[in-house]
Amino acid sequence: MDPSDMPSLPDSPVVDKEHYWDFVTFLVQGHLFRVPKYRFVEESEHFCKEYDLDFKLEKEYGVEDPHIDVVQLDVDVNDFRAFLKVLYPRNGDSDASLGLEQWKAVLRLSSKWFFNDVRQRAIAAVNAIDVSLLERIEMAREHHVSAWLLDGYRKLASRSEPITVEEAESLGLRKAILLCGLRERYTGGWNSSSTREREVLALFSSDFDEISAMQAKYPTKEEREAMEAERVKAEAEEEANALVHRASMEEEEARRQEVIAEYERQLREQRENLLRLENEREQFLNGPSPPHSAQLAAGDFDCVPVAPASGGKKKKMKKGSGA
């Protein structure tokens, strides 16, 4: 095709947000690795902060010169290569193509850099591989996997073979003695696997508490989403309870105001009644005198009744008449 027939590029092309990948270059023990940056950005905020990876698409590491803006990592090159195989599978490579040592490297780096979903994949892969009890216990301590520690201690305490010198040296004297004591108490057999687990958890509670505390720092994306959903649910329930409580308080306040209003109404009625009685009293005291009082005051005795004499009838006294 003639170059003149090629369509001209727009002045300001739009960068696709999903499929315009920027790259990052890593230097590991003299080896350069150049991969799309998005997997590191999506999988571990901790890694991006630690190595100051730019989240913007405009800045690419090592575009013009692979030694410019290169990110140097102080890890084993083979470990990092195994890690990238999981992060960027090629040609249909599956997890089954990695051996135990490679998966241990993936587990080591994913724990170091907080690639929590990759870490969970590594733990699941190692679970499917036949590993000695000692190695499983050592990995449990190193990578903070409580299930491996519980499984290792439980099997050492319940198997028919005694704890070997090599195992005792690896476990440490104190732990070996505790496990031997646990074996001696149950020489007749264990009642159930749950009893065995409870005994192991109680005997090594400090070890499990420490590992569980560290293990909680590696939530997967699914677990984070579940925790976020639980947090939102708890906040919604708290808000709903607050609304119910507020409504209850408002209802109680409304009833209280009704009682106060009724009390004030009755108080007003009593005051009005008292005022009315006081007015009637004042009218009675300051009003006109009764009729017979006025007659007495004027000296008119014609109509003034006189008490009758004993055995006689009533008689009227005339004006001016003597007693």
C-alpha atoms as a PDB file:
ATOM      1  CA  MET A   1       0.000   0.000   0.000  1.00  0.00           C
ATOM      2  CA  ASP A   2       1.206   3.437  -0.902  1.00  0.00           C
ATOM      3  CA  PRO A   3       2.044   5.393   2.285  1.00  0.00           C
ATOM      4  CA  SER A   4       0.112   8.307   0.850  1.00  0.00           C
ATOM      5  CA  ASP A   5      -3.011   6.141   0.946  1.00  0.00           C
ATOM      6  CA  MET A   6      -2.668   5.533   4.670  1.00  0.00           C
ATOM      7  CA  PRO A   7      -5.244   7.419   6.762  1.00  0.00           C
ATOM      8  CA  SER A   8      -3.787  10.281   8.698  1.00  0.00           C
ATOM      9  CA  LEU A   9      -3.671  10.019  12.468  1.00  0.00           C
ATOM     10  CA  PRO A  10      -5.932  12.312  14.450  1.00  0.00           C
ATOM     11  CA  ASP A  11      -4.306  15.149  16.335  1.00  0.00           C
ATOM     12  CA  SER A  12      -5.449  13.845  19.730  1.00  0.00           C
ATOM     13  CA  PRO A  13      -6.143  10.099  19.633  1.00  0.00           C
ATOM     14  CA  VAL A  14      -8.030   8.633  22.572  1.00  0.00           C
ATOM     15  CA  VAL A  15      -6.129   6.079  24.635  1.00  0.00           C
ATOM     16  CA  ASP A  16      -8.180   2.938  25.279  1.00  0.00           C
ATOM     17  CA  LYS A  17      -8.445   2.349  29.018  1.00  0.00           C
ATOM     18  CA  GLU A  18      -8.507  -1.462  28.803  1.00  0.00           C
ATOM     19  CA  HIS A  19      -6.139  -2.444  26.001  1.00  0.00           C
ATOM     20  CA  TYR A  20      -3.494   0.237  25.846  1.00  0.00           C
ATOM     21  CA  TRP A  21      -0.927  -1.382  28.094  1.00  0.00           C
ATOM     22  CA  ASP A  22       2.060   0.358  29.527  1.00  0.00           C
ATOM     23  CA  PHE A  23       5.061  -1.705  30.560  1.00  0.00           C
ATOM     24  CA  VAL A  24       7.458  -1.912  33.443  1.00  0.00           C
ATOM     25  CA  THR A  25      11.067  -3.109  33.350  1.00  0.00           C
ATOM     26  CA  PHE A  26      12.563  -5.019  36.275  1.00  0.00           C
ATOM     27  CA  LEU A  27      16.230  -5.676  36.908  1.00  0.00           C
ATOM     28  CA  VAL A  28      16.821  -8.856  38.908  1.00  0.00           C
ATOM     29  CA  GLN A  29      20.366 -10.193  39.412  1.00  0.00           C
ATOM     30  CA  GLY A  30      21.518  -8.715  36.100  1.00  0.00           C
ATOM     31  CA  HIS A  31      18.463  -9.928  34.157  1.00  0.00           C
ATOM     32  CA  LEU A  32      15.941  -7.512  32.608  1.00  0.00           C
ATOM     33  CA  PHE A  33      12.255  -8.406  32.585  1.00  0.00           C
ATOM     34  CA  ARG A  34       9.736  -6.267  30.702  1.00  0.00           C
ATOM     35  CA  VAL A  35       6.051  -6.996  31.301  1.00  0.00           C
ATOM     36  CA  PRO A  36       2.708  -5.169  31.223  1.00  0.00           C
ATOM     37  CA  LYS A  37       2.375  -3.136  34.373  1.00  0.00           C
ATOM     38  CA  TYR A  38      -1.346  -3.621  34.922  1.00  0.00           C
ATOM     39  CA  ARG A  39      -0.997  -6.953  36.754  1.00  0.00           C
ATOM     40  CA  PHE A  40       1.242  -5.395  39.397  1.00  0.00           C
ATOM     41  CA  VAL A  41      -1.117  -2.426  39.725  1.00  0.00           C
ATOM     42  CA  GLU A  42      -4.216  -4.612  40.058  1.00  0.00           C
ATOM     43  CA  GLU A  43      -2.782  -7.264  42.349  1.00  0.00           C
ATOM     44  CA  SER A  44      -0.776  -5.343  44.952  1.00  0.00           C
ATOM     45  CA  GLU A  45      -1.092  -1.739  46.041  1.00  0.00           C
ATOM     46  CA  HIS A  46       1.658  -2.499  48.558  1.00  0.00           C
ATOM     47  CA  PHE A  47       4.134  -3.389  45.796  1.00  0.00           C
ATOM     48  CA  CYS A  48       3.299  -0.273  43.771  1.00  0.00           C
ATOM     49  CA  LYS A  49       3.843   1.965  46.775  1.00  0.00           C
ATOM     50  CA  GLU A  50       7.049   0.223  47.829  1.00  0.00           C
ATOM     51  CA  TYR A  51       8.648   0.521  44.379  1.00  0.00           C
ATOM     52  CA  ASP A  52       6.971   3.808  43.423  1.00  0.00           C
ATOM     53  CA  LEU A  53       5.272   2.477  40.309  1.00  0.00           C
ATOM     54  CA  ASP A  54       3.425   5.218  38.455  1.00  0.00           C
ATOM     55  CA  PHE A  55      -0.272   4.466  38.055  1.00  0.00           C
ATOM     56  CA  LYS A  56      -0.652   6.832  35.086  1.00  0.00           C
ATOM     57  CA  LEU A  57      -0.555   5.492  31.540  1.00  0.00           C
ATOM     58  CA  GLU A  58       1.555   8.357  30.238  1.00  0.00           C
ATOM     59  CA  LYS A  59       4.707   7.158  31.988  1.00  0.00           C
ATOM     60  CA  GLU A  60       6.307   3.950  30.761  1.00  0.00           C
ATOM     61  CA  TYR A  61       9.373   2.493  32.378  1.00  0.00           C
ATOM     62  CA  GLY A  62      12.243   1.840  30.021  1.00  0.00           C
ATOM     63  CA  VAL A  63      10.518   2.793  26.763  1.00  0.00           C
ATOM     64  CA  GLU A  64      13.515   4.425  25.102  1.00  0.00           C
ATOM     65  CA  ASP A  65      16.247   2.780  27.136  1.00  0.00           C
ATOM     66  CA  PRO A  66      15.574  -0.314  29.270  1.00  0.00           C
ATOM     67  CA  HIS A  67      17.962   1.019  31.903  1.00  0.00           C
ATOM     68  CA  ILE A  68      15.954   4.223  32.361  1.00  0.00           C
ATOM     69  CA  ASP A  69      13.423   4.071  35.202  1.00  0.00           C
ATOM     70  CA  VAL A  70      14.190   0.389  35.689  1.00  0.00           C
ATOM     71  CA  VAL A  71      12.834  -1.137  38.907  1.00  0.00           C
ATOM     72  CA  GLN A  72      15.513  -3.088  40.726  1.00  0.00           C
ATOM     73  CA  LEU A  73      14.368  -6.031  42.832  1.00  0.00           C
ATOM     74  CA  ASP A  74      16.535  -7.733  45.441  1.00  0.00           C
ATOM     75  CA  VAL A  75      15.207 -11.256  44.942  1.00  0.00           C
ATOM     76  CA  ASP A  76      16.406 -14.469  43.330  1.00  0.00           C
ATOM     77  CA  VAL A  77      16.042 -14.378  39.562  1.00  0.00           C
ATOM     78  CA  ASN A  78      14.621 -17.912  39.377  1.00  0.00           C
ATOM     79  CA  ASP A  79      12.087 -17.098  42.075  1.00  0.00           C
ATOM     80  CA  PHE A  80      11.006 -14.012  40.135  1.00  0.00           C
ATOM     81  CA  ARG A  81      10.752 -15.983  36.902  1.00  0.00           C
ATOM     82  CA  ALA A  82       8.462 -18.514  38.582  1.00  0.00           C
ATOM     83  CA  PHE A  83       6.413 -15.646  40.017  1.00  0.00           C
ATOM     84  CA  LEU A  84       5.963 -14.122  36.540  1.00  0.00           C
ATOM     85  CA  LYS A  85       4.880 -17.509  35.141  1.00  0.00           C
ATOM     86  CA  VAL A  86       1.894 -17.407  37.487  1.00  0.00           C
ATOM     87  CA  LEU A  87       1.232 -13.714  36.956  1.00  0.00           C
ATOM     88  CA  TYR A  88       1.598 -13.882  33.133  1.00  0.00           C
ATOM     89  CA  PRO A  89       0.905 -17.453  31.928  1.00  0.00           C
ATOM     90  CA  ARG A  90       2.068 -18.036  28.333  1.00  0.00           C
ATOM     91  CA  ASN A  91       1.070 -20.516  25.638  1.00  0.00           C
ATOM     92  CA  GLY A  92      -1.585 -22.094  27.786  1.00  0.00           C
ATOM     93  CA  ASP A  93       0.823 -22.811  30.655  1.00  0.00           C
ATOM     94  CA  SER A  94      -1.099 -23.977  33.681  1.00  0.00           C
ATOM     95  CA  ASP A  95      -0.248 -24.041  37.351  1.00  0.00           C
ATOM     96  CA  ALA A  96       0.512 -27.766  37.002  1.00  0.00           C
ATOM     97  CA  SER A  97       3.691 -26.923  35.079  1.00  0.00           C
ATOM     98  CA  LEU A  98       5.343 -25.597  38.250  1.00  0.00           C
ATOM     99  CA  GLY A  99       7.063 -27.863  40.734  1.00  0.00           C
ATOM    100  CA  LEU A 100       7.185 -27.630  44.508  1.00  0.00           C
ATOM    101  CA  GLU A 101      10.275 -25.417  44.630  1.00  0.00           C
ATOM    102  CA  GLN A 102       8.755 -23.019  42.120  1.00  0.00           C
ATOM    103  CA  TRP A 103       5.508 -22.843  44.041  1.00  0.00           C
ATOM    104  CA  LYS A 104       7.443 -22.200  47.228  1.00  0.00           C
ATOM    105  CA  ALA A 105       9.169 -19.310  45.426  1.00  0.00           C
ATOM    106  CA  VAL A 106       5.783 -17.964  44.289  1.00  0.00           C
ATOM    107  CA  LEU A 107       4.477 -18.261  47.836  1.00  0.00           C
ATOM    108  CA  ARG A 108       7.560 -16.522  49.200  1.00  0.00           C
ATOM    109  CA  LEU A 109       7.356 -13.535  46.821  1.00  0.00           C
ATOM    110  CA  SER A 110       3.568 -13.196  46.932  1.00  0.00           C
ATOM    111  CA  SER A 111       3.736 -13.073  50.746  1.00  0.00           C
ATOM    112  CA  LYS A 112       6.628 -10.592  50.653  1.00  0.00           C
ATOM    113  CA  TRP A 113       4.832  -8.251  48.226  1.00  0.00           C
ATOM    114  CA  PHE A 114       1.229  -8.887  49.355  1.00  0.00           C
ATOM    115  CA  PHE A 115      -0.048 -10.377  46.099  1.00  0.00           C
ATOM    116  CA  ASN A 116      -2.767 -12.023  48.160  1.00  0.00           C
ATOM    117  CA  ASP A 117      -4.687 -13.798  45.392  1.00  0.00           C
ATOM    118  CA  VAL A 118      -1.449 -15.206  43.956  1.00  0.00           C
ATOM    119  CA  ARG A 119      -0.479 -16.298  47.472  1.00  0.00           C
ATOM    120  CA  GLN A 120      -3.779 -18.166  47.830  1.00  0.00           C
ATOM    121  CA  ARG A 121      -3.169 -19.940  44.506  1.00  0.00           C
ATOM    122  CA  ALA A 122       0.277 -20.987  45.687  1.00  0.00           C
ATOM    123  CA  ILE A 123      -1.110 -22.336  48.981  1.00  0.00           C
ATOM    124  CA  ALA A 124      -3.739 -24.367  47.084  1.00  0.00           C
ATOM    125  CA  ALA A 125      -1.077 -25.704  44.708  1.00  0.00           C
ATOM    126  CA  VAL A 126       1.241 -26.790  47.554  1.00  0.00           C
ATOM    127  CA  ASN A 127      -1.725 -28.479  49.263  1.00  0.00           C
ATOM    128  CA  ALA A 128      -1.963 -30.798  46.268  1.00  0.00           C
ATOM    129  CA  ILE A 129       1.711 -31.781  46.464  1.00  0.00           C
ATOM    130  CA  ASP A 130       2.998 -34.519  48.766  1.00  0.00           C
ATOM    131  CA  VAL A 131       5.198 -32.696  51.294  1.00  0.00           C
ATOM    132  CA  SER A 132       6.843 -34.120  54.412  1.00  0.00           C
ATOM    133  CA  LEU A 133       5.435 -33.117  57.790  1.00  0.00           C
ATOM    134  CA  LEU A 134       8.589 -31.240  58.767  1.00  0.00           C
ATOM    135  CA  GLU A 135       8.665 -29.278  55.525  1.00  0.00           C
ATOM    136  CA  ARG A 136       4.976 -28.423  55.836  1.00  0.00           C
ATOM    137  CA  ILE A 137       5.493 -27.191  59.398  1.00  0.00           C
ATOM    138  CA  GLU A 138       8.507 -25.123  58.347  1.00  0.00           C
ATOM    139  CA  MET A 139       6.552 -23.579  55.455  1.00  0.00           C
ATOM    140  CA  ALA A 140       3.646 -22.888  57.798  1.00  0.00           C
ATOM    141  CA  ARG A 141       5.911 -20.903  60.108  1.00  0.00           C
ATOM    142  CA  GLU A 142       7.710 -19.110  57.306  1.00  0.00           C
ATOM    143  CA  HIS A 143       4.643 -18.170  55.268  1.00  0.00           C
ATOM    144  CA  HIS A 144       2.033 -17.948  58.058  1.00  0.00           C
ATOM    145  CA  VAL A 145      -0.365 -20.737  57.070  1.00  0.00           C
ATOM    146  CA  SER A 146      -2.162 -21.984  60.190  1.00  0.00           C
ATOM    147  CA  ALA A 147      -3.813 -24.951  58.438  1.00  0.00           C
ATOM    148  CA  TRP A 148      -0.426 -26.440  57.573  1.00  0.00           C
ATOM    149  CA  LEU A 149       0.837 -26.019  61.136  1.00  0.00           C
ATOM    150  CA  LEU A 150      -2.281 -27.639  62.593  1.00  0.00           C
ATOM    151  CA  ASP A 151      -2.088 -30.524  60.141  1.00  0.00           C
ATOM    152  CA  GLY A 152       1.616 -31.117  60.860  1.00  0.00           C
ATOM    153  CA  TYR A 153       1.306 -31.057  64.668  1.00  0.00           C
ATOM    154  CA  ARG A 154      -1.826 -33.182  64.624  1.00  0.00           C
ATOM    155  CA  LYS A 155      -0.235 -35.905  62.495  1.00  0.00           C
ATOM    156  CA  LEU A 156       2.967 -35.941  64.568  1.00  0.00           C
ATOM    157  CA  ALA A 157       0.904 -36.371  67.736  1.00  0.00           C
ATOM    158  CA  SER A 158      -1.332 -39.146  66.432  1.00  0.00           C
ATOM    159  CA  ARG A 159       0.772 -41.279  64.065  1.00  0.00           C
ATOM    160  CA  SER A 160       2.043 -44.649  65.149  1.00  0.00           C
ATOM    161  CA  GLU A 161       5.746 -43.817  64.539  1.00  0.00           C
ATOM    162  CA  PRO A 162       7.515 -41.863  67.312  1.00  0.00           C
ATOM    163  CA  ILE A 163       8.990 -38.407  66.753  1.00  0.00           C
ATOM    164  CA  THR A 164      12.498 -38.799  65.323  1.00  0.00           C
ATOM    165  CA  VAL A 165      15.642 -36.998  66.451  1.00  0.00           C
ATOM    166  CA  GLU A 166      15.700 -35.037  63.191  1.00  0.00           C
ATOM    167  CA  GLU A 167      12.105 -33.933  63.721  1.00  0.00           C
ATOM    168  CA  ALA A 168      12.800 -32.964  67.337  1.00  0.00           C
ATOM    169  CA  GLU A 169      15.784 -30.866  66.287  1.00  0.00           C
ATOM    170  CA  SER A 170      13.747 -29.127  63.624  1.00  0.00           C
ATOM    171  CA  LEU A 171      10.764 -28.529  65.899  1.00  0.00           C
ATOM    172  CA  GLY A 172      12.803 -27.345  68.847  1.00  0.00           C
ATOM    173  CA  LEU A 173      13.172 -29.053  72.217  1.00  0.00           C
ATOM    174  CA  ARG A 174      10.149 -27.504  73.894  1.00  0.00           C
ATOM    175  CA  LYS A 175       7.700 -28.254  71.063  1.00  0.00           C
ATOM    176  CA  ALA A 176       9.034 -31.771  70.668  1.00  0.00           C
ATOM    177  CA  ILE A 177       8.539 -32.478  74.389  1.00  0.00           C
ATOM    178  CA  LEU A 178       4.992 -31.071  74.308  1.00  0.00           C
ATOM    179  CA  LEU A 179       4.096 -33.231  71.322  1.00  0.00           C
ATOM    180  CA  CYS A 180       5.603 -36.312  72.990  1.00  0.00           C
ATOM    181  CA  GLY A 181       3.560 -35.610  76.106  1.00  0.00           C
ATOM    182  CA  LEU A 182       0.440 -35.269  73.989  1.00  0.00           C
ATOM    183  CA  ARG A 183       1.185 -38.612  72.338  1.00  0.00           C
ATOM    184  CA  GLU A 184       1.656 -40.280  75.736  1.00  0.00           C
ATOM    185  CA  ARG A 185      -1.704 -39.024  77.045  1.00  0.00           C
ATOM    186  CA  TYR A 186      -3.501 -40.561  74.107  1.00  0.00           C
ATOM    187  CA  THR A 187      -1.649 -43.842  73.643  1.00  0.00           C
ATOM    188  CA  GLY A 188      -5.011 -45.574  73.828  1.00  0.00           C
ATOM    189  CA  GLY A 189      -6.293 -43.636  70.855  1.00  0.00           C
ATOM    190  CA  TRP A 190      -8.099 -40.368  70.219  1.00  0.00           C
ATOM    191  CA  ASN A 191     -11.794 -40.018  70.767  1.00  0.00           C
ATOM    192  CA  SER A 192     -12.221 -37.945  67.605  1.00  0.00           C
ATOM    193  CA  SER A 193     -10.311 -35.750  65.184  1.00  0.00           C
ATOM    194  CA  SER A 194     -12.005 -32.677  66.665  1.00  0.00           C
ATOM    195  CA  THR A 195     -10.648 -33.580  70.110  1.00  0.00           C
ATOM    196  CA  ARG A 196      -7.206 -33.926  68.603  1.00  0.00           C
ATOM    197  CA  GLU A 197      -7.460 -30.479  66.976  1.00  0.00           C
ATOM    198  CA  ARG A 198      -8.630 -28.820  70.193  1.00  0.00           C
ATOM    199  CA  GLU A 199      -5.756 -30.356  72.132  1.00  0.00           C
ATOM    200  CA  VAL A 200      -3.182 -29.189  69.570  1.00  0.00           C
ATOM    201  CA  LEU A 201      -4.665 -25.680  69.356  1.00  0.00           C
ATOM    202  CA  ALA A 202      -4.710 -25.340  73.142  1.00  0.00           C
ATOM    203  CA  LEU A 203      -1.170 -26.677  73.577  1.00  0.00           C
ATOM    204  CA  PHE A 204       0.346 -24.377  70.939  1.00  0.00           C
ATOM    205  CA  SER A 205      -2.058 -21.455  71.253  1.00  0.00           C
ATOM    206  CA  SER A 206       0.682 -18.804  71.162  1.00  0.00           C
ATOM    207  CA  ASP A 207       2.025 -20.182  67.844  1.00  0.00           C
ATOM    208  CA  PHE A 208      -1.434 -20.227  66.265  1.00  0.00           C
ATOM    209  CA  ASP A 209      -2.316 -16.765  67.582  1.00  0.00           C
ATOM    210  CA  GLU A 210       0.846 -15.322  66.042  1.00  0.00           C
ATOM    211  CA  ILE A 211       0.300 -17.025  62.681  1.00  0.00           C
ATOM    212  CA  SER A 212      -3.398 -16.091  62.591  1.00  0.00           C
ATOM    213  CA  ALA A 213      -2.532 -12.446  63.223  1.00  0.00           C
ATOM    214  CA  MET A 214      -0.126 -12.465  60.282  1.00  0.00           C
ATOM    215  CA  GLN A 215      -2.472 -14.499  58.093  1.00  0.00           C
ATOM    216  CA  ALA A 216      -5.171 -11.855  58.531  1.00  0.00           C
ATOM    217  CA  LYS A 217      -2.936  -9.412  56.636  1.00  0.00           C
ATOM    218  CA  TYR A 218      -3.394 -11.403  53.402  1.00  0.00           C
ATOM    219  CA  PRO A 219      -7.090 -11.167  52.480  1.00  0.00           C
ATOM    220  CA  THR A 220      -7.882 -12.142  48.907  1.00  0.00           C
ATOM    221  CA  LYS A 221      -9.932  -9.937  46.609  1.00  0.00           C
ATOM    222  CA  GLU A 222     -13.000 -12.089  47.288  1.00  0.00           C
ATOM    223  CA  GLU A 223     -12.439 -11.871  51.039  1.00  0.00           C
ATOM    224  CA  ARG A 224     -11.975  -8.086  50.835  1.00  0.00           C
ATOM    225  CA  GLU A 225     -15.215  -7.785  48.903  1.00  0.00           C
ATOM    226  CA  ALA A 226     -16.970  -9.944  51.494  1.00  0.00           C
ATOM    227  CA  MET A 227     -15.552  -7.817  54.326  1.00  0.00           C
ATOM    228  CA  GLU A 228     -16.600  -4.654  52.513  1.00  0.00           C
ATOM    229  CA  ALA A 229     -20.108  -6.053  52.001  1.00  0.00           C
ATOM    230  CA  GLU A 230     -20.226  -6.976  55.681  1.00  0.00           C
ATOM    231  CA  ARG A 231     -19.065  -3.482  56.616  1.00  0.00           C
ATOM    232  CA  VAL A 232     -21.718  -1.869  54.399  1.00  0.00           C
ATOM    233  CA  LYS A 233     -24.352  -4.208  55.858  1.00  0.00           C
ATOM    234  CA  ALA A 234     -23.278  -3.374  59.422  1.00  0.00           C
ATOM    235  CA  GLU A 235     -23.380   0.341  58.656  1.00  0.00           C
ATOM    236  CA  ALA A 236     -26.839  -0.013  57.096  1.00  0.00           C
ATOM    237  CA  GLU A 237     -28.089  -1.947  60.135  1.00  0.00           C
ATOM    238  CA  GLU A 238     -26.561   0.632  62.455  1.00  0.00           C
ATOM    239  CA  GLU A 239     -28.179   3.440  60.494  1.00  0.00           C
ATOM    240  CA  ALA A 240     -31.531   1.610  60.505  1.00  0.00           C
ATOM    241  CA  ASN A 241     -31.270   1.048  64.255  1.00  0.00           C
ATOM    242  CA  ALA A 242     -30.416   4.711  64.696  1.00  0.00           C
ATOM    243  CA  LEU A 243     -33.488   5.693  62.676  1.00  0.00           C
ATOM    244  CA  VAL A 244     -35.695   3.379  64.738  1.00  0.00           C
ATOM    245  CA  HIS A 245     -34.218   4.771  67.936  1.00  0.00           C
ATOM    246  CA  ARG A 246     -34.666   8.337  66.694  1.00  0.00           C
ATOM    247  CA  ALA A 247     -38.286   7.614  65.727  1.00  0.00           C
ATOM    248  CA  SER A 248     -38.889   6.041  69.144  1.00  0.00           C
ATOM    249  CA  MET A 249     -37.388   9.065  70.875  1.00  0.00           C
ATOM    250  CA  GLU A 250     -39.465  11.423  68.753  1.00  0.00           C
ATOM    251  CA  GLU A 251     -42.611   9.415  69.522  1.00  0.00           C
ATOM    252  CA  GLU A 252     -41.768   9.467  73.236  1.00  0.00           C
ATOM    253  CA  GLU A 253     -41.126  13.214  73.056  1.00  0.00           C
ATOM    254  CA  ALA A 254     -44.461  13.724  71.263  1.00  0.00           C
ATOM    255  CA  ARG A 255     -46.260  11.797  74.047  1.00  0.00           C
ATOM    256  CA  ARG A 256     -44.430  13.840  76.646  1.00  0.00           C
ATOM    257  CA  GLN A 257     -45.457  17.066  74.929  1.00  0.00           C
ATOM    258  CA  GLU A 258     -49.070  15.838  74.844  1.00  0.00           C
ATOM    259  CA  VAL A 259     -48.948  15.152  78.592  1.00  0.00           C
ATOM    260  CA  ILE A 260     -47.435  18.588  79.227  1.00  0.00           C
ATOM    261  CA  ALA A 261     -50.087  20.241  77.027  1.00  0.00           C
ATOM    262  CA  GLU A 262     -52.884  18.435  78.874  1.00  0.00           C
ATOM    263  CA  TYR A 263     -51.405  19.405  82.227  1.00  0.00           C
ATOM    264  CA  GLU A 264     -51.121  23.044  81.150  1.00  0.00           C
ATOM    265  CA  ARG A 265     -54.727  22.971  79.856  1.00  0.00           C
ATOM    266  CA  GLN A 266     -55.981  21.671  83.199  1.00  0.00           C
ATOM    267  CA  LEU A 267     -53.865  24.249  84.997  1.00  0.00           C
ATOM    268  CA  ARG A 268     -55.391  27.028  82.894  1.00  0.00           C
ATOM    269  CA  GLU A 269     -58.891  25.763  83.677  1.00  0.00           C
ATOM    270  CA  GLN A 270     -58.112  25.761  87.395  1.00  0.00           C
ATOM    271  CA  ARG A 271     -56.729  29.271  87.171  1.00  0.00           C
ATOM    272  CA  GLU A 272     -59.817  30.430  85.263  1.00  0.00           C
ATOM    273  CA  ASN A 273     -62.084  28.811  87.879  1.00  0.00           C
ATOM    274  CA  LEU A 274     -60.154  30.430  90.698  1.00  0.00           C
ATOM    275  CA  LEU A 275     -60.336  33.797  88.952  1.00  0.00           C
ATOM    276  CA  ARG A 276     -64.075  33.399  88.437  1.00  0.00           C
ATOM    277  CA  LEU A 277     -64.628  32.518  92.092  1.00  0.00           C
ATOM    278  CA  GLU A 278     -62.487  35.463  93.152  1.00  0.00           C
ATOM    279  CA  ASN A 279     -64.539  37.769  90.968  1.00  0.00           C
ATOM    280  CA  GLU A 280     -67.784  36.423  92.425  1.00  0.00           C
ATOM    281  CA  ARG A 281     -66.437  36.950  95.929  1.00  0.00           C
ATOM    282  CA  GLU A 282     -65.457  40.530  95.109  1.00  0.00           C
ATOM    283  CA  GLN A 283     -68.889  41.175  93.635  1.00  0.00           C
ATOM    284  CA  PHE A 284     -70.531  39.748  96.685  1.00  0.00           C
ATOM    285  CA  LEU A 285     -68.496  41.872  99.087  1.00  0.00           C
ATOM    286  CA  ASN A 286     -68.724  45.099  97.094  1.00  0.00           C
ATOM    287  CA  GLY A 287     -72.266  44.688  95.708  1.00  0.00           C
ATOM    288  CA  PRO A 288     -75.640  46.356  97.033  1.00  0.00           C
ATOM    289  CA  SER A 289     -76.813  45.562 100.635  1.00  0.00           C
ATOM    290  CA  PRO A 290     -79.739  43.216 101.242  1.00  0.00           C
ATOM    291  CA  PRO A 291     -83.239  44.956 101.428  1.00  0.00           C
ATOM    292  CA  HIS A 292     -83.828  44.656 105.210  1.00  0.00           C
ATOM    293  CA  SER A 293     -80.459  46.228 105.923  1.00  0.00           C
ATOM    294  CA  ALA A 294     -81.496  49.323 103.957  1.00  0.00           C
ATOM    295  CA  GLN A 295     -84.753  49.629 105.898  1.00  0.00           C
ATOM    296  CA  LEU A 296     -82.975  49.486 109.187  1.00  0.00           C
ATOM    297  CA  ALA A 297     -80.580  52.111 108.096  1.00  0.00           C
ATOM    298  CA  ALA A 298     -83.540  54.444 107.150  1.00  0.00           C
ATOM    299  CA  GLY A 299     -85.399  53.927 110.477  1.00  0.00           C
ATOM    300  CA  ASP A 300     -88.397  52.257 108.826  1.00  0.00           C
ATOM    301  CA  PHE A 301     -89.607  49.697 111.344  1.00  0.00           C
ATOM    302  CA  ASP A 302     -93.102  49.096 109.919  1.00  0.00           C
ATOM    303  CA  CYS A 303     -92.093  46.030 108.184  1.00  0.00           C
ATOM    304  CA  VAL A 304     -89.441  44.889 110.568  1.00  0.00           C
ATOM    305  CA  PRO A 305     -90.551  41.628 112.180  1.00  0.00           C
ATOM    306  CA  VAL A 306     -90.470  41.476 115.973  1.00  0.00           C
ATOM    307  CA  ALA A 307     -89.964  38.290 117.835  1.00  0.00           C
ATOM    308  CA  PRO A 308     -93.257  37.261 119.531  1.00  0.00           C
ATOM    309  CA  ALA A 309     -93.647  37.279 123.298  1.00  0.00           C
ATOM    310  CA  SER A 310     -93.873  34.011 125.007  1.00  0.00           C
ATOM    311  CA  GLY A 311     -97.237  32.477 124.272  1.00  0.00           C
ATOM    312  CA  GLY A 312     -98.354  35.480 122.213  1.00  0.00           C
ATOM    313  CA  LYS A 313     -98.558  36.372 118.569  1.00  0.00           C
ATOM    314  CA  LYS A 314     -96.286  38.459 116.483  1.00  0.00           C
ATOM    315  CA  LYS A 315     -97.030  42.154 116.481  1.00  0.00           C
ATOM    316  CA  LYS A 316     -95.772  45.101 114.580  1.00  0.00           C
ATOM    317  CA  MET A 317     -94.151  48.071 116.275  1.00  0.00           C
ATOM    318  CA  LYS A 318     -95.170  51.500 115.104  1.00  0.00           C
ATOM    319  CA  LYS A 319     -92.898  54.423 114.649  1.00  0.00           C
ATOM    320  CA  GLY A 320     -92.284  56.386 117.801  1.00  0.00           C
ATOM    321  CA  SER A 321     -93.945  53.875 120.048  1.00  0.00           C
ATOM    322  CA  GLY A 322     -92.083  52.976 123.194  1.00  0.00           C
ATOM    323  CA  ALA A 323     -90.804  49.652 124.121  1.00  0.00           C
END
